[in-house]
C-alpha cells in the first residue's frame, strides 16, 4: 500500500519546481496515475488463474509458479483428502495453507466440491488455526481473480481485528453452514462467541490475516 501511495505523490524534484495542484492535476499527476493503473493491471493479470491449466506431464510445469501447489498435491496420498503446508512466500512467515488433495483448479472451486469435501477442508483448516492461534484465528480463501495458484487452497492465520470487521458479514453456527461460493469471489471467517462470523463478496480476503 505504501508503494501505491508514493506512486501518486509528486517526486521530490517535482515538489521543488511544480506547484502541488499542478503536480496532482497536470502532466506529472496524469503520468503517475497512468503508471499506477498499469501496475494494478499487471498485478491483476498475474493473479488471475481462471483459465489456468497445470499439465503435470509437461516438463515445464515445475517452472510455472501458479502450478506449485498442484505439484505439491501429487506428493500426498489420495487417502489424505486435505493436507497442510506452510505458505512458502517469505513475506508471510506466519501463514499456513489447507489444500485439498483432489484437483479443483480454476474457477469456483468451492461450488465444484461436494458438501463433504468442503466440510473436510474447512474443519482441517479450523483445527490448525485453533492449534496455532487459539481463538484469534481466521481462515480466508481469495476470489478467482486474486488467487495466484491454480490449485484450490485456503489461508490460515491470525486475524487482524478492526471495528469494520466486527460490523459487517453474517453468522453461521459451524463449518457445515459455510456457503459454497459460486460467483468467483472469496470468503473469510473467524470465531465470535462460539459461532463463525462470515464475510463474502470480496476478491482479496487473505489481507485480514497477519502476514
Protein backbone atom coordinates (compact mmCIF):
# COMPACT_ATOMS: atom_id res chain seq x y z
CA UNK A 1 0.00 0.00 0.00
CA UNK A 2 2.82 2.41 0.78
CA UNK A 3 4.24 1.83 -2.70
CA UNK A 4 0.93 2.81 -4.29
CA UNK A 5 0.66 5.87 -2.04
CA UNK A 6 4.11 7.10 -3.02
CA UNK A 7 3.37 6.40 -6.67
CA UNK A 8 0.71 9.08 -6.52
CA UNK A 9 2.91 11.70 -4.86
CA UNK A 10 4.91 14.31 -6.76
CA UNK A 11 8.62 13.49 -6.96
CA UNK A 12 10.99 15.27 -4.59
CA UNK A 13 12.37 17.26 -7.51
CA UNK A 14 8.85 17.92 -8.76
CA UNK A 15 7.79 19.38 -5.42
CA UNK A 16 10.64 21.84 -5.67
CA UNK A 17 9.66 23.21 -9.07
CA UNK A 18 5.99 22.34 -9.68
CA UNK A 19 3.09 23.69 -7.58
CA UNK A 20 1.23 20.90 -5.77
CA UNK A 21 -2.07 21.39 -7.60
CA UNK A 22 -0.32 21.22 -10.98
CA UNK A 23 1.59 18.10 -9.97
CA UNK A 24 -1.66 16.43 -8.92
CA UNK A 25 -3.81 17.51 -11.89
CA UNK A 26 -1.39 18.27 -14.70
CA UNK A 27 1.07 16.23 -16.71
CA UNK A 28 3.00 14.89 -13.71
CA UNK A 29 -0.14 13.78 -11.92
CA UNK A 30 -1.55 12.12 -15.04
CA UNK A 31 1.68 10.24 -15.68
CA UNK A 32 1.78 8.97 -12.11
CA UNK A 33 -1.87 7.90 -12.33
CA UNK A 34 -1.16 6.13 -15.62
CA UNK A 35 1.79 4.27 -14.09
CA UNK A 36 -0.32 3.25 -11.11
CA UNK A 37 -3.11 1.91 -13.35
CA UNK A 38 -0.59 -0.05 -15.41
CA UNK A 39 0.85 -1.54 -12.23
CA UNK A 40 -2.58 -2.55 -10.93
CA UNK A 41 -3.46 -4.10 -14.29
CA UNK A 42 -0.22 -6.07 -14.29
CA UNK A 43 -0.87 -7.34 -10.77
CA UNK A 44 -4.37 -8.46 -11.69
CA UNK A 45 -3.14 -10.21 -14.82
CA UNK A 46 -0.53 -12.08 -12.82
CA UNK A 47 -3.01 -13.20 -10.18
CA UNK A 48 -5.92 -14.19 -12.44
CA UNK A 49 -5.94 -18.00 -12.66
CA UNK A 50 -9.43 -18.50 -14.06
CA UNK A 51 -8.15 -20.15 -17.25
CA UNK A 52 -5.00 -21.76 -15.89
CA UNK A 53 -4.11 -25.34 -16.77
CA UNK A 54 -1.37 -27.26 -14.98
CA UNK A 55 -0.30 -30.17 -17.17
CA UNK A 56 1.63 -32.33 -14.72
CA UNK A 57 3.03 -34.37 -17.60
CA UNK A 58 4.71 -31.32 -19.10
CA UNK A 59 8.46 -30.96 -18.44
CA UNK A 60 7.99 -27.21 -17.93
CA UNK A 61 5.22 -27.42 -15.32
CA UNK A 62 7.72 -27.02 -12.46
CA UNK A 63 8.71 -23.64 -13.91
CA UNK A 64 5.15 -22.32 -13.68
CA UNK A 65 4.69 -20.68 -10.30
CA UNK A 66 0.90 -20.97 -10.43
CA UNK A 67 1.25 -24.75 -10.59
CA UNK A 68 3.42 -25.25 -7.49
CA UNK A 69 0.51 -26.40 -5.30
CA UNK A 70 -0.62 -28.82 -7.98
CA UNK A 71 2.83 -30.39 -7.80
CA UNK A 72 2.75 -30.38 -4.01
CA UNK A 73 -0.61 -32.18 -4.01
CA UNK A 74 0.90 -35.00 -6.07
CA UNK A 75 3.32 -35.74 -3.20
CA UNK A 76 0.44 -36.60 -0.86
CA UNK A 77 -1.54 -39.86 -0.90
CA UNK A 78 -5.11 -39.91 -2.19
CA UNK A 79 -6.13 -41.15 1.26
CA UNK A 80 -5.23 -37.69 2.63
CA UNK A 81 -8.16 -35.55 1.39
CA UNK A 82 -6.71 -32.28 2.76
CA UNK A 83 -3.11 -31.55 3.67
CA UNK A 84 -1.45 -28.65 5.47
CA UNK A 85 1.67 -26.79 4.36
CA UNK A 86 3.34 -23.58 5.39
CA UNK A 87 2.95 -20.69 2.98
CA UNK A 88 6.28 -20.59 1.12
CA UNK A 89 6.01 -16.85 0.47
CA UNK A 90 8.87 -15.38 2.54
CA UNK A 91 6.77 -12.27 3.26
CA UNK A 92 4.15 -14.43 5.03
CA UNK A 93 6.13 -16.36 7.67
CA UNK A 94 3.10 -16.84 9.96
CA UNK A 95 0.71 -18.35 7.41
CA UNK A 96 -0.42 -21.92 6.80
CA UNK A 97 -2.37 -23.30 3.84
CA UNK A 98 -5.02 -26.01 3.81
CA UNK A 99 -5.03 -27.72 0.41
CA UNK A 100 -7.42 -30.36 -0.97
CA UNK A 101 -5.61 -33.36 -2.46
CA UNK A 102 -8.16 -33.58 -5.28
CA UNK A 103 -7.82 -31.25 -8.22
CA UNK A 104 -10.14 -28.23 -8.12
CA UNK A 105 -8.25 -25.88 -10.43
CA UNK A 106 -9.68 -22.72 -11.98
CA UNK A 107 -12.95 -21.02 -11.15
CA UNK A 108 -15.33 -21.53 -8.22
CA UNK A 109 -13.59 -24.48 -6.55
CA UNK A 110 -15.95 -24.49 -3.55
CA UNK A 111 -19.01 -24.85 -5.78
CA UNK A 112 -17.40 -27.83 -7.52
CA UNK A 113 -16.69 -29.66 -4.27
CA UNK A 114 -19.26 -31.87 -2.62
CA UNK A 115 -20.63 -30.79 0.75
CA UNK A 116 -18.48 -33.45 2.44
CA UNK A 117 -15.33 -32.27 0.64
CA UNK A 118 -15.94 -28.67 1.68
CA UNK A 119 -16.57 -29.74 5.27
CA UNK A 120 -13.29 -31.66 5.45
CA UNK A 121 -11.43 -28.67 4.00
CA UNK A 122 -12.93 -26.21 6.50
CA UNK A 123 -12.64 -28.45 9.56
CA UNK A 124 -9.00 -29.22 8.77
CA UNK A 125 -8.22 -25.52 8.36
CA UNK A 126 -10.08 -24.58 11.55
CA UNK A 127 -8.35 -27.27 13.60
CA UNK A 128 -4.92 -26.00 12.53
CA UNK A 129 -5.95 -22.38 13.12
CA UNK A 130 -7.07 -23.17 16.68
CA UNK A 131 -3.89 -25.14 17.34
CA UNK A 132 -1.66 -22.21 16.38
CA UNK A 133 -3.68 -19.10 17.32
CA UNK A 134 -6.27 -20.17 19.89
CA UNK A 135 -9.36 -18.00 19.43
CA UNK A 136 -7.69 -15.21 17.43
CA UNK A 137 -7.61 -17.12 14.15
CA UNK A 138 -9.20 -16.55 10.76
CA UNK A 139 -9.45 -18.60 7.57
CA UNK A 140 -9.58 -16.99 4.13
CA UNK A 141 -9.98 -18.06 0.53
CA UNK A 142 -9.27 -15.47 -2.15
CA UNK A 143 -11.56 -14.93 -5.12
CA UNK A 144 -10.72 -16.37 -8.54
CA UNK A 145 -9.09 -13.18 -9.82
CA UNK A 146 -6.90 -12.70 -6.75
CA UNK A 147 -5.67 -16.28 -6.37
CA UNK A 148 -2.11 -16.90 -7.53
CA UNK A 149 -2.29 -20.68 -7.59
CA UNK A 150 -4.34 -22.86 -9.94
CA UNK A 151 -4.91 -25.42 -7.20
CA UNK A 152 -7.61 -24.56 -4.68
CA UNK A 153 -6.31 -23.61 -1.21
CA UNK A 154 -7.28 -21.62 1.86
CA UNK A 155 -5.13 -19.35 4.01
CA UNK A 156 -4.86 -19.87 7.76
CA UNK A 157 -3.59 -17.12 10.04
CA UNK A 158 -4.14 -14.74 12.90
CA UNK A 159 -6.93 -12.20 12.44
CA UNK A 160 -6.07 -8.53 12.20
CA UNK A 161 -9.05 -7.15 14.15
CA UNK A 162 -10.73 -3.89 13.13
CA UNK A 163 -14.06 -2.34 14.07
CA UNK A 164 -15.20 -2.67 10.46
CA UNK A 165 -14.62 -6.41 10.61
CA UNK A 166 -17.00 -6.75 13.52
CA UNK A 167 -19.71 -4.60 11.91
CA UNK A 168 -20.01 -6.47 8.61
CA UNK A 169 -20.73 -10.04 7.50
CA UNK A 170 -23.15 -12.69 8.77
CA UNK A 171 -23.08 -15.53 11.29
CA UNK A 172 -23.36 -19.32 10.99
CA UNK A 173 -23.23 -21.98 13.67
CA UNK A 174 -20.48 -24.11 12.14
CA UNK A 175 -18.43 -25.02 9.04
CA UNK A 176 -21.18 -27.17 7.54
CA UNK A 177 -23.20 -23.97 7.04
CA UNK A 178 -20.48 -22.05 5.20
CA UNK A 179 -21.67 -21.10 1.69
CA UNK A 180 -20.38 -22.76 -1.47
CA UNK A 181 -19.28 -19.58 -3.24
CA UNK A 182 -20.16 -19.72 -6.94
CA UNK A 183 -19.71 -16.14 -8.17
CA UNK A 184 -15.91 -16.01 -8.35
CA UNK A 185 -15.46 -14.02 -5.14
CA UNK A 186 -13.74 -15.06 -1.93
CA UNK A 187 -14.75 -15.91 1.61
CA UNK A 188 -13.22 -15.50 5.03
CA UNK A 189 -14.41 -16.15 8.56
CA UNK A 190 -13.36 -16.07 12.19
CA UNK A 191 -14.83 -17.15 15.55
CA UNK A 192 -17.10 -14.92 17.63
CA UNK A 193 -18.81 -16.23 20.78
CA UNK A 194 -18.87 -19.83 19.61
CA UNK A 195 -20.12 -19.04 16.10
CA UNK A 196 -18.44 -18.24 12.79
CA UNK A 197 -18.52 -14.65 11.55
CA UNK A 198 -18.53 -14.96 7.75
CA UNK A 199 -17.56 -12.34 5.15
CA UNK A 200 -18.16 -12.75 1.41
CA UNK A 201 -18.26 -10.70 -1.79
CA UNK A 202 -14.57 -9.70 -1.86
CA UNK A 203 -11.68 -10.78 -4.08
CA UNK A 204 -8.62 -10.42 -1.86
CA UNK A 205 -9.54 -11.85 1.53
CA UNK A 206 -6.20 -13.03 2.92
CA UNK A 207 -5.28 -9.42 3.74
CA UNK A 208 -7.23 -9.78 7.01
CA UNK A 209 -4.56 -12.21 8.23
CA UNK A 210 -1.26 -11.39 9.86
CA UNK A 211 1.50 -12.00 7.35
